Amino acid sequence: MRSFLILLFGTIFVWMIVMTTLTSIKMPIWDAFTTFGDNPWATATLWDAYFGFLTFYVWVAWREIRIAQKILWFLLIMALGNIAMSLYLLIQLYRLKKTDPLSLLFSTRNA
């Protein structure tokens, strides 16, 4: 299961980097703002995404001990979304020892 999760979140991380890069080449994000608000589905999707980011961040903040880490991950998640979220999970999965149960992902970190 650990290998599957690493593959899953690694794929999400790479896919989002590639898609963000390709999309940015076609249209810089600041050029999209002029028409973005005209589409109600775009606005609803953005709210949905950011509430999802916030939900994920609450779990990250619960896990992390240091306030600096909490702030850093908040900024990364809010700025990079699924790129930061998949990176966080990859880091946590690689920190687990091969013999550790995946349930350790759902406990606070000691330091």
PDB file of N, CA and C in Angstrom:
ATOM      1  N   MET A   1       0.816  -1.193   0.000  1.00  0.00           N
ATOM      2  CA  MET A   1       0.000   0.000   0.000  1.00  0.00           C
ATOM      3  C   MET A   1       0.863   1.262   0.000  1.00  0.00           C
ATOM      4  N   ARG A   2       1.971   1.213   0.744  1.00  0.00           N
ATOM      5  CA  ARG A   2       2.875   2.372   0.804  1.00  0.00           C
ATOM      6  C   ARG A   2       3.404   2.692  -0.590  1.00  0.00           C
ATOM      7  N   SER A   3       3.807   1.668  -1.332  1.00  0.00           N
ATOM      8  CA  SER A   3       4.314   1.872  -2.694  1.00  0.00           C
ATOM      9  C   SER A   3       3.243   2.461  -3.599  1.00  0.00           C
ATOM     10  N   PHE A   4       2.013   1.974  -3.448  1.00  0.00           N
ATOM     11  CA  PHE A   4       0.909   2.519  -4.239  1.00  0.00           C
ATOM     12  C   PHE A   4       0.703   3.996  -3.939  1.00  0.00           C
ATOM     13  N   LEU A   5       0.746   4.380  -2.662  1.00  0.00           N
ATOM     14  CA  LEU A   5       0.543   5.775  -2.281  1.00  0.00           C
ATOM     15  C   LEU A   5       1.677   6.661  -2.797  1.00  0.00           C
ATOM     16  N   ILE A   6       2.894   6.157  -2.752  1.00  0.00           N
ATOM     17  CA  ILE A   6       4.031   6.905  -3.295  1.00  0.00           C
ATOM     18  C   ILE A   6       3.849   7.098  -4.796  1.00  0.00           C
ATOM     19  N   LEU A   7       3.435   6.058  -5.494  1.00  0.00           N
ATOM     20  CA  LEU A   7       3.174   6.159  -6.929  1.00  0.00           C
ATOM     21  C   LEU A   7       2.040   7.148  -7.208  1.00  0.00           C
ATOM     22  N   LEU A   8       0.960   7.048  -6.448  1.00  0.00           N
ATOM     23  CA  LEU A   8      -0.187   7.931  -6.631  1.00  0.00           C
ATOM     24  C   LEU A   8       0.193   9.393  -6.424  1.00  0.00           C
ATOM     25  N   PHE A   9       0.786   9.712  -5.276  1.00  0.00           N
ATOM     26  CA  PHE A   9       1.105  11.099  -4.981  1.00  0.00           C
ATOM     27  C   PHE A   9       2.280  11.611  -5.810  1.00  0.00           C
ATOM     28  N   GLY A  10       3.182  10.725  -6.197  1.00  0.00           N
ATOM     29  CA  GLY A  10       4.256  11.104  -7.127  1.00  0.00           C
ATOM     30  C   GLY A  10       3.691  11.463  -8.489  1.00  0.00           C
ATOM     31  N   THR A  11       2.719  10.688  -8.962  1.00  0.00           N
ATOM     32  CA  THR A  11       2.068  10.972 -10.240  1.00  0.00           C
ATOM     33  C   THR A  11       1.309  12.292 -10.180  1.00  0.00           C
ATOM     34  N   ILE A  12       0.578  12.510  -9.103  1.00  0.00           N
ATOM     35  CA  ILE A  12      -0.152  13.777  -8.947  1.00  0.00           C
ATOM     36  C   ILE A  12       0.831  14.950  -8.954  1.00  0.00           C
ATOM     37  N   PHE A  13       1.921  14.828  -8.218  1.00  0.00           N
ATOM     38  CA  PHE A  13       2.920  15.892  -8.137  1.00  0.00           C
ATOM     39  C   PHE A  13       3.480  16.213  -9.524  1.00  0.00           C
ATOM     40  N   VAL A  14       3.938  15.195 -10.234  1.00  0.00           N
ATOM     41  CA  VAL A  14       4.528  15.404 -11.567  1.00  0.00           C
ATOM     42  C   VAL A  14       3.484  15.938 -12.537  1.00  0.00           C
ATOM     43  N   TRP A  15       2.290  15.335 -12.538  1.00  0.00           N
ATOM     44  CA  TRP A  15       1.225  15.760 -13.448  1.00  0.00           C
ATOM     45  C   TRP A  15       0.872  17.234 -13.233  1.00  0.00           C
ATOM     46  N   MET A  16       0.760  17.655 -11.983  1.00  0.00           N
ATOM     47  CA  MET A  16       0.394  19.039 -11.699  1.00  0.00           C
ATOM     48  C   MET A  16       1.514  20.007 -12.090  1.00  0.00           C
ATOM     49  N   ILE A  17       2.761  19.613 -11.909  1.00  0.00           N
ATOM     50  CA  ILE A  17       3.890  20.452 -12.346  1.00  0.00           C
ATOM     51  C   ILE A  17       3.844  20.609 -13.867  1.00  0.00           C
ATOM     52  N   VAL A  18       3.669  19.494 -14.580  1.00  0.00           N
ATOM     53  CA  VAL A  18       3.628  19.529 -16.051  1.00  0.00           C
ATOM     54  C   VAL A  18       2.444  20.365 -16.531  1.00  0.00           C
ATOM     55  N   MET A  19       1.251  20.093 -16.001  1.00  0.00           N
ATOM     56  CA  MET A  19       0.057  20.820 -16.446  1.00  0.00           C
ATOM     57  C   MET A  19       0.140  22.309 -16.119  1.00  0.00           C
ATOM     58  N   THR A  20       0.651  22.645 -14.948  1.00  0.00           N
ATOM     59  CA  THR A  20       0.799  24.050 -14.573  1.00  0.00           C
ATOM     60  C   THR A  20       1.795  24.748 -15.498  1.00  0.00           C
ATOM     61  N   THR A  21       2.884  24.078 -15.814  1.00  0.00           N
ATOM     62  CA  THR A  21       3.887  24.648 -16.709  1.00  0.00           C
ATOM     63  C   THR A  21       3.316  24.842 -18.107  1.00  0.00           C
ATOM     64  N   LEU A  22       2.687  23.802 -18.659  1.00  0.00           N
ATOM     65  CA  LEU A  22       2.117  23.903 -20.005  1.00  0.00           C
ATOM     66  C   LEU A  22       1.031  24.968 -20.079  1.00  0.00           C
ATOM     67  N   THR A  23       0.185  25.036 -19.061  1.00  0.00           N
ATOM     68  CA  THR A  23      -0.877  26.034 -19.037  1.00  0.00           C
ATOM     69  C   THR A  23      -0.294  27.439 -18.921  1.00  0.00           C
ATOM     70  N   SER A  24       0.738  27.601 -18.102  1.00  0.00           N
ATOM     71  CA  SER A  24       1.372  28.912 -17.941  1.00  0.00           C
ATOM     72  C   SER A  24       2.040  29.385 -19.230  1.00  0.00           C
ATOM     73  N   ILE A  25       2.545  28.441 -20.022  1.00  0.00           N
ATOM     74  CA  ILE A  25       3.146  28.805 -21.309  1.00  0.00           C
ATOM     75  C   ILE A  25       2.068  29.318 -22.261  1.00  0.00           C
ATOM     76  N   LYS A  26       0.901  28.665 -22.242  1.00  0.00           N
ATOM     77  CA  LYS A  26      -0.206  29.094 -23.107  1.00  0.00           C
ATOM     78  C   LYS A  26      -0.802  30.419 -22.656  1.00  0.00           C
ATOM     79  N   MET A  27      -0.985  30.565 -21.343  1.00  0.00           N
ATOM     80  CA  MET A  27      -1.577  31.795 -20.799  1.00  0.00           C
ATOM     81  C   MET A  27      -1.085  31.995 -19.369  1.00  0.00           C
ATOM     82  N   PRO A  28      -0.356  33.062 -19.134  1.00  0.00           N
ATOM     83  CA  PRO A  28       0.052  33.354 -17.755  1.00  0.00           C
ATOM     84  C   PRO A  28      -1.181  33.543 -16.860  1.00  0.00           C
ATOM     85  N   ILE A  29      -1.063  33.179 -15.619  1.00  0.00           N
ATOM     86  CA  ILE A  29      -2.214  33.209 -14.717  1.00  0.00           C
ATOM     87  C   ILE A  29      -2.803  34.616 -14.587  1.00  0.00           C
ATOM     88  N   TRP A  30      -1.955  35.629 -14.605  1.00  0.00           N
ATOM     89  CA  TRP A  30      -2.469  36.988 -14.450  1.00  0.00           C
ATOM     90  C   TRP A  30      -3.326  37.414 -15.641  1.00  0.00           C
ATOM     91  N   ASP A  31      -3.139  36.796 -16.822  1.00  0.00           N
ATOM     92  CA  ASP A  31      -3.993  37.096 -17.977  1.00  0.00           C
ATOM     93  C   ASP A  31      -5.376  36.444 -17.846  1.00  0.00           C
ATOM     94  N   ALA A  32      -5.470  35.395 -17.056  1.00  0.00           N
ATOM     95  CA  ALA A  32      -6.745  34.688 -16.896  1.00  0.00           C
ATOM     96  C   ALA A  32      -7.697  35.420 -15.955  1.00  0.00           C
ATOM     97  N   PHE A  33      -7.171  36.272 -15.096  1.00  0.00           N
ATOM     98  CA  PHE A  33      -8.013  36.943 -14.103  1.00  0.00           C
ATOM     99  C   PHE A  33      -9.061  37.865 -14.723  1.00  0.00           C
ATOM    100  N   THR A  34      -8.782  38.405 -15.900  1.00  0.00           N
ATOM    101  CA  THR A  34      -9.708  39.370 -16.498  1.00  0.00           C
ATOM    102  C   THR A  34     -11.041  38.735 -16.874  1.00  0.00           C
ATOM    103  N   THR A  35     -11.034  37.453 -17.249  1.00  0.00           N
ATOM    104  CA  THR A  35     -12.282  36.790 -17.658  1.00  0.00           C
ATOM    105  C   THR A  35     -12.724  35.719 -16.673  1.00  0.00           C
ATOM    106  N   PHE A  36     -11.915  35.416 -15.712  1.00  0.00           N
ATOM    107  CA  PHE A  36     -12.207  34.317 -14.788  1.00  0.00           C
ATOM    108  C   PHE A  36     -13.508  34.531 -14.029  1.00  0.00           C
ATOM    109  N   GLY A  37     -13.712  35.722 -13.523  1.00  0.00           N
ATOM    110  CA  GLY A  37     -14.893  36.026 -12.725  1.00  0.00           C
ATOM    111  C   GLY A  37     -16.194  35.995 -13.520  1.00  0.00           C
ATOM    112  N   ASP A  38     -16.096  36.021 -14.834  1.00  0.00           N
ATOM    113  CA  ASP A  38     -17.302  35.976 -15.672  1.00  0.00           C
ATOM    114  C   ASP A  38     -17.927  34.588 -15.726  1.00  0.00           C
ATOM    115  N   ASN A  39     -17.169  33.576 -15.378  1.00  0.00           N
ATOM    116  CA  ASN A  39     -17.653  32.201 -15.441  1.00  0.00           C
ATOM    117  C   ASN A  39     -18.015  31.732 -14.027  1.00  0.00           C
ATOM    118  N   PRO A  40     -19.307  31.554 -13.729  1.00  0.00           N
ATOM    119  CA  PRO A  40     -19.685  31.154 -12.363  1.00  0.00           C
ATOM    120  C   PRO A  40     -19.139  29.782 -11.976  1.00  0.00           C
ATOM    121  N   TRP A  41     -18.959  28.879 -12.934  1.00  0.00           N
ATOM    122  CA  TRP A  41     -18.397  27.571 -12.607  1.00  0.00           C
ATOM    123  C   TRP A  41     -16.916  27.674 -12.248  1.00  0.00           C
ATOM    124  N   ALA A  42     -16.227  28.579 -12.872  1.00  0.00           N
ATOM    125  CA  ALA A  42     -14.814  28.791 -12.522  1.00  0.00           C
ATOM    126  C   ALA A  42     -14.704  29.299 -11.088  1.00  0.00           C
ATOM    127  N   THR A  43     -15.585  30.234 -10.739  1.00  0.00           N
ATOM    128  CA  THR A  43     -15.585  30.770  -9.375  1.00  0.00           C
ATOM    129  C   THR A  43     -15.951  29.682  -8.360  1.00  0.00           C
ATOM    130  N   ALA A  44     -16.991  28.908  -8.653  1.00  0.00           N
ATOM    131  CA  ALA A  44     -17.400  27.829  -7.734  1.00  0.00           C
ATOM    132  C   ALA A  44     -16.298  26.791  -7.583  1.00  0.00           C
ATOM    133  N   THR A  45     -15.626  26.460  -8.677  1.00  0.00           N
ATOM    134  CA  THR A  45     -14.541  25.478  -8.634  1.00  0.00           C
ATOM    135  C   THR A  45     -13.373  25.998  -7.803  1.00  0.00           C
ATOM    136  N   LEU A  46     -13.094  27.284  -7.926  1.00  0.00           N
ATOM    137  CA  LEU A  46     -12.015  27.874  -7.133  1.00  0.00           C
ATOM    138  C   LEU A  46     -12.338  27.832  -5.645  1.00  0.00           C
ATOM    139  N   TRP A  47     -13.579  28.189  -5.272  1.00  0.00           N
ATOM    140  CA  TRP A  47     -13.986  28.092  -3.869  1.00  0.00           C
ATOM    141  C   TRP A  47     -13.878  26.649  -3.378  1.00  0.00           C
ATOM    142  N   ASP A  48     -14.332  25.715  -4.190  1.00  0.00           N
ATOM    143  CA  ASP A  48     -14.264  24.299  -3.828  1.00  0.00           C
ATOM    144  C   ASP A  48     -12.822  23.872  -3.599  1.00  0.00           C
ATOM    145  N   ALA A  49     -11.930  24.261  -4.506  1.00  0.00           N
ATOM    146  CA  ALA A  49     -10.516  23.892  -4.383  1.00  0.00           C
ATOM    147  C   ALA A  49      -9.917  24.467  -3.097  1.00  0.00           C
ATOM    148  N   TYR A  50     -10.165  25.742  -2.831  1.00  0.00           N
ATOM    149  CA  TYR A  50      -9.549  26.349  -1.654  1.00  0.00           C
ATOM    150  C   TYR A  50     -10.120  25.827  -0.342  1.00  0.00           C
ATOM    151  N   PHE A  51     -11.402  25.458  -0.333  1.00  0.00           N
ATOM    152  CA  PHE A  51     -11.921  24.808   0.873  1.00  0.00           C
ATOM    153  C   PHE A  51     -11.288  23.428   1.046  1.00  0.00           C
ATOM    154  N   GLY A  52     -11.012  22.741  -0.053  1.00  0.00           N
ATOM    155  CA  GLY A  52     -10.293  21.469   0.024  1.00  0.00           C
ATOM    156  C   GLY A  52      -8.872  21.669   0.531  1.00  0.00           C
ATOM    157  N   PHE A  53      -8.205  22.714   0.046  1.00  0.00           N
ATOM    158  CA  PHE A  53      -6.853  23.014   0.522  1.00  0.00           C
ATOM    159  C   PHE A  53      -6.868  23.307   2.021  1.00  0.00           C
ATOM    160  N   LEU A  54      -7.853  24.086   2.453  1.00  0.00           N
ATOM    161  CA  LEU A  54      -7.967  24.427   3.870  1.00  0.00           C
ATOM    162  C   LEU A  54      -8.239  23.185   4.716  1.00  0.00           C
ATOM    163  N   THR A  55      -9.092  22.305   4.229  1.00  0.00           N
ATOM    164  CA  THR A  55      -9.381  21.050   4.939  1.00  0.00           C
ATOM    165  C   THR A  55      -8.114  20.225   5.100  1.00  0.00           C
ATOM    166  N   PHE A  56      -7.341  20.092   4.029  1.00  0.00           N
ATOM    167  CA  PHE A  56      -6.085  19.347   4.088  1.00  0.00           C
ATOM    168  C   PHE A  56      -5.117  20.028   5.050  1.00  0.00           C
ATOM    169  N   TYR A  57      -5.063  21.369   4.989  1.00  0.00           N
ATOM    170  CA  TYR A  57      -4.148  22.095   5.863  1.00  0.00           C
ATOM    171  C   TYR A  57      -4.457  21.875   7.344  1.00  0.00           C
ATOM    172  N   VAL A  58      -5.718  21.776   7.701  1.00  0.00           N
ATOM    173  CA  VAL A  58      -6.073  21.532   9.108  1.00  0.00           C
ATOM    174  C   VAL A  58      -5.410  20.245   9.593  1.00  0.00           C
ATOM    175  N   TRP A  59      -5.399  19.216   8.751  1.00  0.00           N
ATOM    176  CA  TRP A  59      -4.716  17.963   9.096  1.00  0.00           C
ATOM    177  C   TRP A  59      -3.214  18.186   9.230  1.00  0.00           C
ATOM    178  N   VAL A  60      -2.633  18.950   8.308  1.00  0.00           N
ATOM    179  CA  VAL A  60      -1.197  19.241   8.361  1.00  0.00           C
ATOM    180  C   VAL A  60      -0.868  20.001   9.647  1.00  0.00           C
ATOM    181  N   ALA A  61      -1.660  21.003   9.970  1.00  0.00           N
ATOM    182  CA  ALA A  61      -1.409  21.801  11.176  1.00  0.00           C
ATOM    183  C   ALA A  61      -1.525  20.948  12.432  1.00  0.00           C
ATOM    184  N   TRP A  62      -2.432  19.995  12.435  1.00  0.00           N
ATOM    185  CA  TRP A  62      -2.580  19.087  13.572  1.00  0.00           C
ATOM    186  C   TRP A  62      -1.354  18.197  13.705  1.00  0.00           C
ATOM    187  N   ARG A  63      -0.784  17.786  12.571  1.00  0.00           N
ATOM    188  CA  ARG A  63       0.373  16.880  12.593  1.00  0.00           C
ATOM    189  C   ARG A  63       1.663  17.580  12.972  1.00  0.00           C
ATOM    190  N   GLU A  64       1.840  18.783  12.465  1.00  0.00           N
ATOM    191  CA  GLU A  64       3.115  19.478  12.642  1.00  0.00           C
ATOM    192  C   GLU A  64       3.208  20.113  14.029  1.00  0.00           C
ATOM    193  N   ILE A  65       4.373  20.064  14.618  1.00  0.00           N
ATOM    194  CA  ILE A  65       4.597  20.571  15.973  1.00  0.00           C
ATOM    195  C   ILE A  65       5.014  22.046  15.936  1.00  0.00           C
ATOM    196  N   ARG A  66       5.952  22.371  15.074  1.00  0.00           N
ATOM    197  CA  ARG A  66       6.535  23.718  15.038  1.00  0.00           C
ATOM    198  C   ARG A  66       5.630  24.703  14.304  1.00  0.00           C
ATOM    199  N   ILE A  67       5.501  25.900  14.870  1.00  0.00           N
ATOM    200  CA  ILE A  67       4.665  26.941  14.274  1.00  0.00           C
ATOM    201  C   ILE A  67       5.221  27.365  12.909  1.00  0.00           C
ATOM    202  N   ALA A  68       6.546  27.391  12.773  1.00  0.00           N
ATOM    203  CA  ALA A  68       7.154  27.772  11.496  1.00  0.00           C
ATOM    204  C   ALA A  68       6.760  26.781  10.393  1.00  0.00           C
ATOM    205  N   GLN A  69       6.724  25.496  10.731  1.00  0.00           N
ATOM    206  CA  GLN A  69       6.310  24.481   9.755  1.00  0.00           C
ATOM    207  C   GLN A  69       4.846  24.667   9.386  1.00  0.00           C
ATOM    208  N   LYS A  70       4.021  24.970  10.363  1.00  0.00           N
ATOM    209  CA  LYS A  70       2.590  25.192  10.107  1.00  0.00           C
ATOM    210  C   LYS A  70       2.387  26.360   9.159  1.00  0.00           C
ATOM    211  N   ILE A  71       3.113  27.441   9.395  1.00  0.00           N
ATOM    212  CA  ILE A  71       2.994  28.624   8.542  1.00  0.00           C
ATOM    213  C   ILE A  71       3.508  28.329   7.133  1.00  0.00           C
ATOM    214  N   LEU A  72       4.672  27.690   7.062  1.00  0.00           N
ATOM    215  CA  LEU A  72       5.251  27.354   5.755  1.00  0.00           C
ATOM    216  C   LEU A  72       4.302  26.496   4.931  1.00  0.00           C
ATOM    217  N   TRP A  73       3.757  25.444   5.536  1.00  0.00           N
ATOM    218  CA  TRP A  73       2.859  24.555   4.797  1.00  0.00           C
ATOM    219  C   TRP A  73       1.548  25.249   4.450  1.00  0.00           C
ATOM    220  N   PHE A  74       1.068  26.155   5.286  1.00  0.00           N
ATOM    221  CA  PHE A  74      -0.128  26.917   4.930  1.00  0.00           C
ATOM    222  C   PHE A  74       0.122  27.723   3.656  1.00  0.00           C
ATOM    223  N   LEU A  75       1.242  28.439   3.631  1.00  0.00           N
ATOM    224  CA  LEU A  75       1.564  29.257   2.464  1.00  0.00           C
ATOM    225  C   LEU A  75       1.752  28.402   1.211  1.00  0.00           C
ATOM    226  N   LEU A  76       2.460  27.294   1.356  1.00  0.00           N
ATOM    227  CA  LEU A  76       2.682  26.412   0.198  1.00  0.00           C
ATOM    228  C   LEU A  76       1.377  25.816  -0.318  1.00  0.00           C
ATOM    229  N   ILE A  77       0.535  25.350   0.585  1.00  0.00           N
ATOM    230  CA  ILE A  77      -0.728  24.733   0.171  1.00  0.00           C
ATOM    231  C   ILE A  77      -1.643  25.763  -0.490  1.00  0.00           C
ATOM    232  N   MET A  78      -1.731  26.950   0.087  1.00  0.00           N
ATOM    233  CA  MET A  78      -2.610  27.969  -0.488  1.00  0.00           C
ATOM    234  C   MET A  78      -2.074  28.505  -1.819  1.00  0.00           C
ATOM    235  N   ALA A  79      -0.755  28.519  -1.987  1.00  0.00           N
ATOM    236  CA  ALA A  79      -0.168  29.031  -3.232  1.00  0.00           C
ATOM    237  C   ALA A  79      -0.066  27.962  -4.315  1.00  0.00           C
ATOM    238  N   LEU A  80       0.239  26.728  -3.918  1.00  0.00           N
ATOM    239  CA  LEU A  80       0.513  25.683  -4.908  1.00  0.00           C
ATOM    240  C   LEU A  80      -0.537  24.580  -4.943  1.00  0.00           C
ATOM    241  N   GLY A  81      -1.469  24.576  -3.999  1.00  0.00           N
ATOM    242  CA  GLY A  81      -2.560  23.608  -4.013  1.00  0.00           C
ATOM    243  C   GLY A  81      -2.099  22.163  -3.995  1.00  0.00           C
ATOM    244  N   ASN A  82      -2.559  21.395  -4.977  1.00  0.00           N
ATOM    245  CA  ASN A  82      -2.272  19.960  -5.024  1.00  0.00           C
ATOM    246  C   ASN A  82      -0.802  19.631  -5.223  1.00  0.00           C
ATOM    247  N   ILE A  83      -0.040  20.554  -5.764  1.00  0.00           N
ATOM    248  CA  ILE A  83       1.413  20.337  -5.868  1.00  0.00           C
ATOM    249  C   ILE A  83       1.988  20.223  -4.457  1.00  0.00           C
ATOM    250  N   ALA A  84       1.664  21.183  -3.598  1.00  0.00           N
ATOM    251  CA  ALA A  84       2.177  21.169  -2.217  1.00  0.00           C
ATOM    252  C   ALA A  84       1.589  20.013  -1.423  1.00  0.00           C
ATOM    253  N   MET A  85       0.307  19.724  -1.636  1.00  0.00           N
ATOM    254  CA  MET A  85      -0.338  18.648  -0.876  1.00  0.00           C
ATOM    255  C   MET A  85       0.284  17.294  -1.209  1.00  0.00           C
ATOM    256  N   SER A  86       0.510  17.033  -2.486  1.00  0.00           N
ATOM    257  CA  SER A  86       1.123  15.755  -2.859  1.00  0.00           C
ATOM    258  C   SER A  86       2.566  15.694  -2.376  1.00  0.00           C
ATOM    259  N   LEU A  87       3.276  16.822  -2.415  1.00  0.00           N
ATOM    260  CA  LEU A  87       4.650  16.859  -1.902  1.00  0.00           C
ATOM    261  C   LEU A  87       4.675  16.557  -0.405  1.00  0.00           C
ATOM    262  N   TYR A  88       3.753  17.151   0.345  1.00  0.00           N
ATOM    263  CA  TYR A  88       3.696  16.888   1.784  1.00  0.00           C
ATOM    264  C   TYR A  88       3.514  15.394   2.050  1.00  0.00           C
ATOM    265  N   LEU A  89       2.592  14.774   1.344  1.00  0.00           N
ATOM    266  CA  LEU A  89       2.351  13.345   1.553  1.00  0.00           C
ATOM    267  C   LEU A  89       3.543  12.495   1.133  1.00  0.00           C
ATOM    268  N   LEU A  90       4.202  12.861   0.046  1.00  0.00           N
ATOM    269  CA  LEU A  90       5.402  12.120  -0.356  1.00  0.00           C
ATOM    270  C   LEU A  90       6.484  12.214   0.712  1.00  0.00           C
ATOM    271  N   ILE A  91       6.684  13.390   1.263  1.00  0.00           N
ATOM    272  CA  ILE A  91       7.678  13.559   2.327  1.00  0.00           C
ATOM    273  C   ILE A  91       7.322  12.686   3.525  1.00  0.00           C
ATOM    274  N   GLN A  92       6.056  12.707   3.922  1.00  0.00           N
ATOM    275  CA  GLN A  92       5.630  11.904   5.068  1.00  0.00           C
ATOM    276  C   GLN A  92       5.785  10.408   4.794  1.00  0.00           C
ATOM    277  N   LEU A  93       5.463   9.972   3.594  1.00  0.00           N
ATOM    278  CA  LEU A  93       5.594   8.552   3.248  1.00  0.00           C
ATOM    279  C   LEU A  93       7.059   8.122   3.239  1.00  0.00           C
ATOM    280  N   TYR A  94       7.943   8.981   2.740  1.00  0.00           N
ATOM    281  CA  TYR A  94       9.369   8.635   2.734  1.00  0.00           C
ATOM    282  C   TYR A  94       9.979   8.671   4.124  1.00  0.00           C
ATOM    283  N   ARG A  95       9.392   9.427   5.039  1.00  0.00           N
ATOM    284  CA  ARG A  95       9.890   9.453   6.426  1.00  0.00           C
ATOM    285  C   ARG A  95       9.538   8.185   7.194  1.00  0.00           C
ATOM    286  N   LEU A  96       8.497   7.502   6.754  1.00  0.00           N
ATOM    287  CA  LEU A  96       8.122   6.255   7.419  1.00  0.00           C
ATOM    288  C   LEU A  96       9.184   5.186   7.157  1.00  0.00           C
ATOM    289  N   LYS A  97       9.456   4.417   8.169  1.00  0.00           N
ATOM    290  CA  LYS A  97      10.322   3.247   7.969  1.00  0.00           C
ATOM    291  C   LYS A  97       9.503   2.185   7.246  1.00  0.00           C
ATOM    292  N   LYS A  98      10.179   1.318   6.550  1.00  0.00           N
ATOM    293  CA  LYS A  98       9.481   0.254   5.803  1.00  0.00           C
ATOM    294  C   LYS A  98       8.593  -0.594   6.715  1.00  0.00           C
ATOM    295  N   THR A  99       8.973  -0.701   7.978  1.00  0.00           N
ATOM    296  CA  THR A  99       8.208  -1.528   8.915  1.00  0.00           C
ATOM    297  C   THR A  99       7.100  -0.756   9.634  1.00  0.00           C
ATOM    298  N   ASP A 100       7.084   0.575   9.470  1.00  0.00           N
ATOM    299  CA  ASP A 100       6.061   1.392  10.134  1.00  0.00           C
ATOM    300  C   ASP A 100       4.699   1.180   9.479  1.00  0.00           C
ATOM    301  N   PRO A 101       3.650   1.128  10.273  1.00  0.00           N
ATOM    302  CA  PRO A 101       2.306   1.044   9.687  1.00  0.00           C
ATOM    303  C   PRO A 101       1.900   2.402   9.102  1.00  0.00           C
ATOM    304  N   LEU A 102       1.079   2.371   8.059  1.00  0.00           N
ATOM    305  CA  LEU A 102       0.596   3.615   7.455  1.00  0.00           C
ATOM    306  C   LEU A 102      -0.229   4.447   8.432  1.00  0.00           C
ATOM    307  N   SER A 103      -0.744   3.812   9.469  1.00  0.00           N
ATOM    308  CA  SER A 103      -1.542   4.544  10.459  1.00  0.00           C
ATOM    309  C   SER A 103      -0.724   5.650  11.138  1.00  0.00           C
ATOM    310  N   LEU A 104       0.605   5.565  11.061  1.00  0.00           N
ATOM    311  CA  LEU A 104       1.431   6.645  11.636  1.00  0.00           C
ATOM    312  C   LEU A 104       1.236   7.965  10.907  1.00  0.00           C
ATOM    313  N   LEU A 105       0.721   7.901   9.688  1.00  0.00           N
ATOM    314  CA  LEU A 105       0.413   9.142   8.964  1.00  0.00           C
ATOM    315  C   LEU A 105      -0.684   9.926   9.674  1.00  0.00           C
ATOM    316  N   PHE A 106      -1.459   9.237  10.487  1.00  0.00           N
ATOM    317  CA  PHE A 106      -2.607   9.860  11.165  1.00  0.00           C
ATOM    318  C   PHE A 106      -2.315  10.127  12.629  1.00  0.00           C
ATOM    319  N   SER A 107      -1.047  10.371  12.918  1.00  0.00           N
ATOM    320  CA  SER A 107      -0.662  10.756  14.266  1.00  0.00           C
ATOM    321  C   SER A 107       0.193  12.010  14.171  1.00  0.00           C
ATOM    322  N   THR A 108       0.305  12.727  15.275  1.00  0.00           N
ATOM    323  CA  THR A 108       1.134  13.942  15.261  1.00  0.00           C
ATOM    324  C   THR A 108       2.586  13.541  15.193  1.00  0.00           C
ATOM    325  N   ARG A 109       3.369  14.433  14.642  1.00  0.00           N
ATOM    326  CA  ARG A 109       4.804  14.175  14.566  1.00  0.00           C
ATOM    327  C   ARG A 109       5.444  14.618  15.876  1.00  0.00           C
ATOM    328  N   ASN A 110       6.487  13.935  16.280  1.00  0.00           N
ATOM    329  CA  ASN A 110       7.152  14.257  17.551  1.00  0.00           C
ATOM    330  C   ASN A 110       8.051  15.486  17.463  1.00  0.00           C
ATOM    331  N   ALA A 111       8.640  15.716  16.311  1.00  0.00           N
ATOM    332  CA  ALA A 111       9.519  16.896  16.154  1.00  0.00           C
ATOM    333  C   ALA A 111       9.831  17.145  14.721  1.00  0.00           C
TER     334      ALA A 111
END
